[in-house]
Amino acid sequence: MFCHYRFSDSQQRFNRVVRAVLFLTLMLEMTAGVPGARAQAPEITSKLSDFDAYMVQVLEDWNTPGIGVGIVVNDKLVFAKGYGYRDYEKKLPFTPATLCQIASNSKLFTAVAAGMLVEEGKLTWDKPVRESVPTIQFYNDQLNDNVTLRDMLSHRTGVTRHDLIWFKSPFTRKELFEKLKYLEPQEPMRETFLYNNLMYAAAGNIIELKSGKTWEQFVRQKIFLPLDMNTTTYTISDMTQYPDHGVPFREKRDSFELYKIPYYEDTEGVAPAGAIISNIDELSHWLIALMNDGKYNGQQVLPANVLKATLQPAIGLPNTLGESQGFWELLNPAYGMGRQTAAYRGHLITYHGGDLPGFHSQVSFLRCTTSSVTMCTSGFSGWTRRRGASADFNSGWPARKQARKHGRKPAPTAFRAPNRPTRWPTTPATMRIRLTASSRLRSRVTPCNSVFTNSSFR
């Protein structure tokens, strides 16, 4: 999914996160397995009685300072809790109100915002974007004549990521927009998935050109305010004025020592790719709208057609998990716009993750219903290739690492799958959010295709 400089052990960590995410999603699915689940928060909490112990083990196994978890069922936040510390040094607890950088989970906000302009007739998904925005210029005439907004938002322009252009740079969004014409394509259009933050930055600039408002103003006015996301913001300076905010830590290389690191603050130029800062409580409002065709508190906040468009597969991805790890339960992934989809045990699961130094976020959505509708199952789930705070119940990695941590010889890797019911129940919609107060990134990298980084948006 991410063809750029990456951690040499990131694929294995990614696979472990995938398995943990799917296990958690299915466990939450079980908690809502009867009609009328939206009124059963106490029962759902009781069914998660062992979840606290599980999360304590996750924190220990992955040496992670803090995690926040939220569960939305239909149109209610039925479970929200923090585990560990939002500030490891000061031992301040992680809560559902703890603000964290959600990084690339910002991309769906940008895709939906652009879709609102599509609904207004100011943009189109599938006509050349230059028809709507003549000032945009790509590397050559082929791109100029063919690249669409959908191409830009689904990472299929053939232009790979060039993160060193924006990383820790003073360039404004407009200046980055004007540099698109210097980015030579690496692959033919619509043939290869090449993750590209600059295309999302350009989409944010397009939103400003067509609406007369900055991306930040547009998203706040059209999405944050109608969804009562009043403390959600974009900048570290705003975040740190709020008392309950996360503090980034990293694991020292070749040790288990955690140390405080600086916030990554140079996000203004590429803000539409990953600058949003939010918390479990307020992200649940966003997720309720996503799960209910754009409705929140009885009001149509997000256009249903736009949400449907973001789910449509735009470019296929390889079955990496099956081919490399033998994990064939997740099949045929594809990227839409701002989120990815796949088949998991016959159900549609959609997902996205996000990383910045010291922070990881992921959103997953798996919806199954017995009603005779077009989409019997749909889902949103997220991860990244960097290590998240999930216990590895398949490879035995945490147990082996804990053995090394305490000076013991690790046992051979063994499959340690959780107990599963004989039949996974068909359920109403469930949503899971997770924010992690440390992504525990290592500096060892190996080259792949393009540039960088253990700091770029994911």
Protein backbone atom coordinates (compact mmCIF):
# COMPACT_ATOMS: atom_id res chain seq x y z
CA MET A 1 0.00 0.00 0.00
CA PHE A 2 2.81 2.39 0.79
CA CYS A 3 5.56 2.32 -1.84
CA HIS A 4 8.20 4.57 -0.36
CA TYR A 5 11.13 4.29 2.01
CA ARG A 6 9.78 2.07 4.71
CA PHE A 7 10.87 0.11 7.74
CA SER A 8 12.45 -3.18 6.85
CA ASP A 9 10.34 -5.03 9.43
CA SER A 10 7.21 -3.00 8.80
CA GLN A 11 5.43 -5.65 6.72
CA GLN A 12 5.50 -8.15 9.59
CA ARG A 13 4.31 -5.53 12.05
CA PHE A 14 1.62 -4.47 9.62
CA ASN A 15 0.32 -8.03 9.37
CA ARG A 16 0.10 -8.33 13.13
CA VAL A 17 -1.83 -5.11 13.35
CA VAL A 18 -4.19 -6.35 10.62
CA ARG A 19 -4.98 -9.51 12.51
CA ALA A 20 -5.53 -7.68 15.79
CA VAL A 21 -7.78 -5.14 14.07
CA LEU A 22 -9.94 -7.85 12.52
CA PHE A 23 -10.19 -9.72 15.81
CA LEU A 24 -11.24 -6.58 17.66
CA THR A 25 -13.74 -5.64 14.95
CA LEU A 26 -15.35 -9.06 15.04
CA MET A 27 -15.42 -9.03 18.82
CA LEU A 28 -17.26 -5.73 18.71
CA GLU A 29 -19.53 -7.21 16.08
CA MET A 30 -20.50 -9.90 18.58
CA THR A 31 -21.42 -7.30 21.19
CA ALA A 32 -24.10 -5.87 18.95
CA GLY A 33 -25.49 -9.14 17.69
CA VAL A 34 -29.16 -8.59 18.49
CA PRO A 35 -31.77 -6.13 17.22
CA GLY A 36 -32.10 -2.88 19.11
CA ALA A 37 -28.43 -2.72 19.97
CA ARG A 38 -28.45 1.07 20.09
CA ALA A 39 -30.19 0.90 23.47
CA GLN A 40 -27.90 -1.72 24.98
CA ALA A 41 -24.78 0.13 26.02
CA PRO A 42 -24.68 -1.48 29.52
CA GLU A 43 -25.01 -4.95 28.00
CA ILE A 44 -22.31 -4.20 25.46
CA THR A 45 -20.04 -2.98 28.25
CA SER A 46 -20.63 -6.18 30.18
CA LYS A 47 -19.80 -8.25 27.11
CA LEU A 48 -16.50 -6.39 26.94
CA SER A 49 -15.66 -7.25 30.54
CA ASP A 50 -12.42 -8.96 29.48
CA PHE A 51 -11.46 -6.15 27.12
CA ASP A 52 -9.74 -4.07 29.82
CA ALA A 53 -7.37 -6.92 30.61
CA TYR A 54 -6.72 -7.38 26.92
CA MET A 55 -5.80 -3.71 26.52
CA VAL A 56 -3.51 -3.78 29.55
CA GLN A 57 -1.68 -6.67 27.91
CA VAL A 58 -1.52 -4.76 24.63
CA LEU A 59 0.16 -1.81 26.36
CA GLU A 60 2.72 -4.12 27.95
CA ASP A 61 3.36 -6.28 24.91
CA TRP A 62 3.88 -3.35 22.58
CA ASN A 63 5.54 -1.04 25.11
CA THR A 64 3.01 1.66 24.18
CA PRO A 65 2.24 4.64 26.46
CA GLY A 66 -1.48 4.99 25.80
CA ILE A 67 -4.44 4.02 23.65
CA GLY A 68 -8.00 5.30 23.30
CA VAL A 69 -10.78 3.04 22.02
CA GLY A 70 -14.31 3.97 20.95
CA ILE A 71 -17.18 1.81 19.75
CA VAL A 72 -20.14 3.19 17.83
CA VAL A 73 -23.21 1.02 17.28
CA ASN A 74 -25.70 2.41 14.79
CA ASP A 75 -25.97 6.04 15.95
CA LYS A 76 -24.58 5.81 19.50
CA LEU A 77 -21.16 5.85 21.07
CA VAL A 78 -21.62 2.86 23.36
CA PHE A 79 -18.06 2.45 24.61
CA ALA A 80 -15.22 4.94 24.99
CA LYS A 81 -12.21 4.50 27.21
CA GLY A 82 -8.56 5.40 27.45
CA TYR A 83 -5.81 3.03 28.53
CA GLY A 84 -2.37 3.99 29.77
CA TYR A 85 -1.04 7.53 29.59
CA ARG A 86 -1.46 10.45 27.24
CA ASP A 87 1.74 11.83 28.77
CA TYR A 88 4.00 8.95 29.75
CA GLU A 89 6.51 11.20 31.51
CA LYS A 90 3.95 12.90 33.76
CA LYS A 91 1.74 9.79 34.04
CA LEU A 92 -1.36 11.68 32.90
CA PRO A 93 -4.15 9.28 31.90
CA PHE A 94 -5.38 8.78 28.35
CA THR A 95 -9.11 9.59 28.12
CA PRO A 96 -11.76 9.62 25.37
CA ALA A 97 -11.28 13.41 25.28
CA THR A 98 -7.51 13.25 24.66
CA LEU A 99 -6.63 15.15 21.49
CA CYS A 100 -4.27 13.35 19.10
CA GLN A 101 -3.02 13.87 15.57
CA ILE A 102 -5.04 11.50 13.38
CA ALA A 103 -2.70 12.05 10.41
CA SER A 104 -3.92 10.33 7.23
CA ASN A 105 -7.37 9.64 8.63
CA SER A 106 -7.77 13.30 7.63
CA LYS A 107 -7.86 12.21 3.99
CA LEU A 108 -11.48 11.08 4.08
CA PHE A 109 -12.49 14.51 5.41
CA THR A 110 -10.79 16.03 2.35
CA ALA A 111 -12.44 13.57 -0.04
CA VAL A 112 -15.87 14.27 1.45
CA ALA A 113 -15.26 18.04 1.34
CA ALA A 114 -14.33 17.79 -2.34
CA GLY A 115 -17.42 15.67 -2.88
CA MET A 116 -19.61 18.43 -1.49
CA LEU A 117 -18.33 20.65 -4.29
CA VAL A 118 -19.06 17.86 -6.75
CA GLU A 119 -22.64 17.87 -5.46
CA GLU A 120 -22.77 21.62 -6.07
CA GLY A 121 -21.59 21.17 -9.65
CA LYS A 122 -18.31 23.00 -9.07
CA LEU A 123 -16.17 19.88 -9.51
CA THR A 124 -16.55 16.45 -11.09
CA TRP A 125 -15.18 13.08 -10.06
CA ASP A 126 -14.39 11.64 -13.48
CA LYS A 127 -13.77 14.44 -15.94
CA PRO A 128 -10.28 15.94 -16.29
CA VAL A 129 -9.75 18.16 -13.29
CA ARG A 130 -8.36 20.93 -15.52
CA GLU A 131 -11.86 21.42 -16.93
CA SER A 132 -12.87 22.70 -13.49
CA VAL A 133 -9.50 24.07 -12.38
CA PRO A 134 -7.53 25.39 -15.38
CA THR A 135 -4.65 26.54 -13.18
CA ILE A 136 -3.60 23.04 -12.18
CA GLN A 137 -0.64 21.75 -14.19
CA PHE A 138 0.92 18.31 -14.20
CA TYR A 139 4.19 17.05 -15.68
CA ASN A 140 3.01 16.46 -19.23
CA ASP A 141 0.06 16.83 -21.57
CA GLN A 142 -1.14 13.28 -20.99
CA LEU A 143 -1.64 14.01 -17.31
CA ASN A 144 -3.06 17.46 -17.97
CA ASP A 145 -5.61 16.03 -20.38
CA ASN A 146 -6.65 13.03 -18.30
CA VAL A 147 -6.08 13.29 -14.53
CA THR A 148 -9.38 13.46 -12.66
CA LEU A 149 -10.23 14.34 -9.10
CA ARG A 150 -10.88 10.64 -8.46
CA ASP A 151 -7.38 9.83 -9.77
CA MET A 152 -5.86 12.32 -7.35
CA LEU A 153 -7.81 11.07 -4.34
CA SER A 154 -7.27 7.38 -5.08
CA HIS A 155 -3.47 7.57 -5.57
CA ARG A 156 -3.60 6.34 -9.18
CA THR A 157 -2.08 9.25 -11.11
CA GLY A 158 1.16 7.30 -11.65
CA VAL A 159 3.04 10.01 -9.74
CA THR A 160 4.75 8.60 -6.69
CA ARG A 161 5.02 10.41 -3.38
CA HIS A 162 7.70 13.10 -3.10
CA ASP A 163 7.50 13.76 0.62
CA LEU A 164 10.86 15.49 0.87
CA ILE A 165 9.30 18.39 -1.02
CA TRP A 166 6.99 19.20 1.87
CA PHE A 167 8.54 17.52 4.90
CA LYS A 168 9.86 20.23 7.22
CA SER A 169 9.62 22.72 4.37
CA PRO A 170 8.34 26.30 4.39
CA PHE A 171 6.26 25.83 1.22
CA THR A 172 2.67 26.98 1.36
CA ARG A 173 -0.17 24.90 -0.05
CA LYS A 174 -0.31 27.16 -3.10
CA GLU A 175 3.42 26.75 -3.71
CA LEU A 176 3.13 22.97 -3.43
CA PHE A 177 0.19 23.11 -5.84
CA GLU A 178 2.37 24.94 -8.35
CA LYS A 179 5.12 22.30 -8.04
CA LEU A 180 2.93 19.45 -9.31
CA LYS A 181 4.15 20.20 -12.84
CA TYR A 182 7.67 19.13 -11.86
CA LEU A 183 6.67 15.66 -10.60
CA GLU A 184 7.47 13.15 -13.31
CA PRO A 185 5.17 10.12 -13.32
CA GLN A 186 6.78 6.84 -12.39
CA GLU A 187 4.06 4.58 -13.78
CA PRO A 188 1.28 4.89 -16.38
CA MET A 189 -1.96 6.38 -15.06
CA ARG A 190 -4.45 4.09 -13.34
CA GLU A 191 -2.18 1.06 -13.38
CA THR A 192 -0.33 1.28 -10.07
CA PHE A 193 -1.27 2.45 -6.58
CA LEU A 194 1.28 5.10 -5.55
CA TYR A 195 0.41 6.82 -2.28
CA ASN A 196 0.80 10.56 -2.69
CA ASN A 197 0.19 13.17 0.01
CA LEU A 198 0.83 16.01 -2.43
CA MET A 199 -2.27 15.11 -4.43
CA TYR A 200 -4.36 15.57 -1.29
CA ALA A 201 -2.64 18.88 -0.62
CA ALA A 202 -3.56 19.87 -4.18
CA ALA A 203 -7.16 18.76 -3.59
CA GLY A 204 -7.25 21.04 -0.55
CA ASN A 205 -6.07 23.94 -2.69
CA ILE A 206 -8.72 23.10 -5.27
CA ILE A 207 -11.36 23.28 -2.53
CA GLU A 208 -10.15 26.79 -1.73
CA LEU A 209 -10.16 27.84 -5.39
CA LYS A 210 -13.71 26.61 -5.97
CA SER A 211 -15.30 27.57 -2.63
CA GLY A 212 -13.53 30.80 -1.75
CA LYS A 213 -12.67 29.34 1.67
CA THR A 214 -9.47 27.69 2.83
CA TRP A 215 -9.59 23.95 3.27
CA GLU A 216 -9.54 24.49 7.04
CA GLN A 217 -12.45 26.92 6.93
CA PHE A 218 -14.48 24.76 4.57
CA VAL A 219 -14.03 21.55 6.58
CA ARG A 220 -14.80 23.32 9.85
CA GLN A 221 -17.91 24.98 8.49
CA LYS A 222 -19.29 22.04 6.50
CA ILE A 223 -18.20 19.10 8.67
CA PHE A 224 -16.85 19.95 12.13
CA LEU A 225 -19.53 22.40 13.25
CA PRO A 226 -22.58 20.41 12.03
CA LEU A 227 -21.11 17.32 13.70
CA ASP A 228 -20.42 19.11 17.02
CA MET A 229 -16.68 18.53 16.66
CA ASN A 230 -15.92 21.73 18.52
CA THR A 231 -12.48 20.95 19.94
CA THR A 232 -11.22 19.23 16.78
CA THR A 233 -8.52 21.39 15.26
CA TYR A 234 -5.54 21.46 12.89
CA THR A 235 -2.44 22.80 14.66
CA ILE A 236 -0.26 21.72 17.55
CA SER A 237 -0.45 25.24 19.02
CA ASP A 238 -4.24 24.91 19.23
CA MET A 239 -4.01 21.33 20.52
CA THR A 240 -1.65 22.14 23.38
CA GLN A 241 -3.93 24.92 24.61
CA TYR A 242 -6.46 22.21 25.41
CA PRO A 243 -5.53 20.56 28.73
CA ASP A 244 -6.23 16.97 27.63
CA HIS A 245 -3.83 16.31 24.75
CA GLY A 246 -1.43 13.57 23.83
CA VAL A 247 2.34 13.86 24.08
CA PRO A 248 4.50 11.95 21.57
CA PHE A 249 7.02 9.34 22.70
CA ARG A 250 9.22 6.91 20.85
CA GLU A 251 11.05 3.76 21.77
CA LYS A 252 14.80 4.19 21.85
CA ARG A 253 16.51 2.10 19.22
CA ASP A 254 17.68 -1.32 20.37
CA SER A 255 16.09 -0.84 23.79
CA PHE A 256 12.71 -0.61 25.52
CA GLU A 257 13.23 2.90 26.83
CA LEU A 258 10.57 5.43 25.85
CA TYR A 259 11.61 9.02 25.35
CA LYS A 260 9.72 12.18 24.55
CA ILE A 261 10.03 13.55 21.02
CA PRO A 262 8.99 16.87 19.48
CA TYR A 263 5.61 17.25 17.84
CA TYR A 264 5.66 17.33 14.07
CA GLU A 265 4.18 20.78 13.42
CA ASP A 266 5.00 21.61 9.79
CA THR A 267 1.66 20.40 8.48
CA GLU A 268 0.12 23.57 7.00
CA GLY A 269 1.20 22.98 3.40
CA VAL A 270 -0.12 19.42 3.27
CA ALA A 271 -2.82 19.81 5.91
CA PRO A 272 -5.53 18.18 3.73
CA ALA A 273 -3.41 15.00 3.73
CA GLY A 274 -3.12 14.68 7.48
CA ALA A 275 -3.36 17.68 9.81
CA ILE A 276 -6.61 17.02 11.69
CA ILE A 277 -6.36 16.66 15.47
CA SER A 278 -9.29 15.09 17.28
CA ASN A 279 -10.32 12.67 20.02
CA ILE A 280 -12.43 9.56 20.52
CA ASP A 281 -15.50 11.49 21.68
CA GLU A 282 -15.66 13.79 18.66
CA LEU A 283 -14.51 11.27 16.08
CA SER A 284 -17.53 9.21 17.09
CA HIS A 285 -19.75 11.97 15.67
CA TRP A 286 -17.96 11.69 12.33
CA LEU A 287 -18.27 7.93 12.39
CA ILE A 288 -21.98 8.06 13.22
CA ALA A 289 -22.50 10.18 10.11
CA LEU A 290 -20.41 7.80 7.98
CA MET A 291 -22.41 4.83 9.22
CA ASN A 292 -25.81 6.43 8.70
CA ASP A 293 -25.59 7.72 5.14
CA GLY A 294 -24.40 11.13 6.32
CA LYS A 295 -27.04 11.71 9.01
CA TYR A 296 -26.21 12.97 12.49
CA ASN A 297 -28.77 13.85 15.14
CA GLY A 298 -31.51 13.54 12.55
CA GLN A 299 -29.88 16.01 10.15
CA GLN A 300 -28.31 15.26 6.77
CA VAL A 301 -24.78 16.59 7.31
CA LEU A 302 -22.79 14.64 4.71
CA PRO A 303 -24.19 13.91 1.22
CA ALA A 304 -25.02 10.21 0.97
CA ASN A 305 -23.92 10.11 -2.67
CA VAL A 306 -20.50 11.44 -1.71
CA LEU A 307 -20.00 8.77 0.95
CA LYS A 308 -20.98 6.12 -1.56
CA ALA A 309 -18.51 7.53 -4.07
CA THR A 310 -15.62 7.35 -1.60
CA LEU A 311 -16.31 3.64 -1.14
CA GLN A 312 -16.23 2.75 -4.81
CA PRO A 313 -13.02 0.83 -5.59
CA ALA A 314 -10.82 2.99 -7.81
CA ILE A 315 -7.67 0.89 -8.00
CA GLY A 316 -6.92 -2.66 -6.95
CA LEU A 317 -4.18 -3.66 -4.54
CA PRO A 318 -2.32 -6.98 -4.29
CA ASN A 319 -3.27 -9.71 -1.84
CA THR A 320 -0.07 -9.09 0.08
CA LEU A 321 -1.17 -10.74 3.32
CA GLY A 322 -2.11 -13.97 1.65
CA GLU A 323 0.83 -14.13 -0.71
CA SER A 324 3.50 -13.26 1.84
CA GLN A 325 2.02 -14.46 5.14
CA GLY A 326 -0.63 -17.01 4.25
CA PHE A 327 -3.38 -14.86 5.75
CA TRP A 328 -6.16 -15.31 3.19
CA GLU A 329 -9.14 -14.13 5.24
CA LEU A 330 -8.66 -10.57 3.94
CA LEU A 331 -9.08 -10.59 0.17
CA ASN A 332 -8.92 -8.29 -2.83
CA PRO A 333 -8.20 -4.91 -1.23
CA ALA A 334 -8.86 -1.77 -3.21
CA TYR A 335 -8.54 1.95 -2.59
CA GLY A 336 -11.49 4.28 -3.05
CA MET A 337 -11.08 7.92 -2.06
CA GLY A 338 -9.67 8.48 1.41
CA ARG A 339 -10.34 4.92 2.48
CA GLN A 340 -9.61 1.35 1.48
CA THR A 341 -11.93 -1.62 1.10
CA ALA A 342 -11.54 -5.40 1.16
CA ALA A 343 -13.54 -8.58 1.64
CA TYR A 344 -13.22 -10.17 5.07
CA ARG A 345 -14.98 -13.52 5.43
CA GLY A 346 -17.48 -12.48 2.84
CA HIS A 347 -18.18 -9.08 4.38
CA LEU A 348 -17.12 -5.66 3.15
CA ILE A 349 -14.62 -4.03 5.46
CA THR A 350 -13.27 -0.54 4.87
CA TYR A 351 -10.42 1.08 6.71
CA HIS A 352 -7.68 3.67 6.89
CA GLY A 353 -4.80 4.43 9.20
CA GLY A 354 -2.69 7.43 10.03
CA ASP A 355 0.78 8.06 11.45
CA LEU A 356 2.87 10.99 12.49
CA PRO A 357 5.83 10.76 14.87
CA GLY A 358 4.53 9.56 18.22
CA PHE A 359 0.92 9.14 17.08
CA HIS A 360 -1.05 6.43 15.30
CA SER A 361 -4.75 6.38 14.46
CA GLN A 362 -6.91 3.85 12.73
CA VAL A 363 -10.58 3.60 11.91
CA SER A 364 -12.40 0.38 11.03
CA PHE A 365 -15.98 -0.26 10.03
CA LEU A 366 -17.62 -3.65 9.52
CA ARG A 367 -21.38 -3.60 9.09
CA CYS A 368 -23.58 -6.64 8.65
CA THR A 369 -27.37 -6.60 8.67
CA THR A 370 -30.15 -9.06 7.98
CA SER A 371 -32.22 -6.49 6.08
CA SER A 372 -32.65 -6.97 2.38
CA VAL A 373 -30.68 -3.97 1.22
CA THR A 374 -28.17 -3.56 -1.57
CA MET A 375 -25.25 -3.50 0.80
CA CYS A 376 -25.80 -6.36 3.17
CA THR A 377 -22.41 -5.78 4.77
CA SER A 378 -20.18 -2.78 4.76
CA GLY A 379 -17.31 -1.79 6.90
CA PHE A 380 -14.56 0.70 7.73
CA SER A 381 -11.29 -0.39 9.25
CA GLY A 382 -7.82 1.11 9.35
CA TRP A 383 -4.16 0.43 9.93
CA THR A 384 -0.74 1.35 8.60
CA ARG A 385 2.47 -0.52 7.99
CA ARG A 386 4.05 1.02 11.01
CA ARG A 387 3.62 -0.66 14.28
CA GLY A 388 0.43 0.18 16.08
CA ALA A 389 -0.44 -0.81 19.62
CA SER A 390 -1.98 -4.21 18.97
CA ALA A 391 -1.10 -7.52 20.54
CA ASP A 392 -0.01 -10.13 18.03
CA PHE A 393 -2.09 -13.18 18.75
CA ASN A 394 -0.93 -15.01 15.61
CA SER A 395 2.85 -14.86 15.51
CA GLY A 396 3.65 -14.80 19.21
CA TRP A 397 5.72 -11.64 18.72
CA PRO A 398 4.84 -9.83 21.99
CA ALA A 399 5.53 -12.95 24.04
CA ARG A 400 8.89 -13.34 22.36
CA LYS A 401 9.72 -9.67 22.83
CA GLN A 402 8.68 -9.78 26.49
CA ALA A 403 10.95 -12.79 26.97
CA ARG A 404 13.86 -10.86 25.51
CA LYS A 405 12.92 -7.83 27.59
CA HIS A 406 13.17 -9.83 30.80
CA GLY A 407 16.32 -11.71 29.82
CA ARG A 408 14.63 -15.01 28.98
CA LYS A 409 15.12 -17.11 25.88
CA PRO A 410 12.08 -16.63 23.65
CA ALA A 411 10.01 -19.68 22.83
CA PRO A 412 9.58 -20.68 19.19
CA THR A 413 6.93 -18.74 17.32
CA ALA A 414 3.56 -20.43 17.65
CA PHE A 415 0.07 -19.68 16.48
CA ARG A 416 -1.95 -18.27 19.38
CA ALA A 417 -5.31 -17.45 17.85
CA PRO A 418 -8.04 -16.24 20.21
CA ASN A 419 -11.01 -18.42 21.00
CA ARG A 420 -13.65 -17.94 18.34
CA PRO A 421 -17.33 -18.79 18.37
CA THR A 422 -18.54 -21.50 16.02
CA ARG A 423 -20.37 -18.86 14.00
CA TRP A 424 -19.76 -15.16 13.74
CA PRO A 425 -23.13 -13.46 14.20
CA THR A 426 -24.73 -11.20 11.65
CA THR A 427 -25.01 -7.83 13.30
CA PRO A 428 -25.95 -4.18 12.98
CA ALA A 429 -23.31 -1.63 12.12
CA THR A 430 -20.35 -1.35 14.44
CA MET A 431 -17.48 1.10 14.33
CA ARG A 432 -14.16 1.06 16.08
CA ILE A 433 -11.77 3.93 16.63
CA ARG A 434 -8.30 3.68 18.05
CA LEU A 435 -5.81 6.40 18.77
CA THR A 436 -2.36 5.49 19.96
CA ALA A 437 -0.10 7.83 21.88
CA SER A 438 3.03 6.32 20.40
CA SER A 439 3.71 4.70 17.06
CA ARG A 440 7.11 3.43 18.29
CA LEU A 441 8.91 3.97 15.03
CA ARG A 442 12.43 2.85 14.35
CA SER A 443 14.89 4.72 12.16
CA ARG A 444 16.12 1.71 10.15
CA VAL A 445 14.76 2.01 6.63
CA THR A 446 15.09 0.27 3.29
CA PRO A 447 14.52 1.92 -0.09
CA CYS A 448 11.43 1.19 -2.17
CA ASN A 449 10.39 3.21 -5.19
CA SER A 450 10.41 6.73 -3.83
CA VAL A 451 11.12 8.88 -0.84
CA PHE A 452 11.08 8.77 2.86
CA THR A 453 10.11 8.61 5.79
CA ASN A 454 9.23 7.67 9.31
CA SER A 455 7.40 10.97 9.62
CA SER A 456 5.25 11.32 6.51
CA PHE A 457 1.50 10.97 6.68
CA ARG A 458 0.18 7.45 6.46
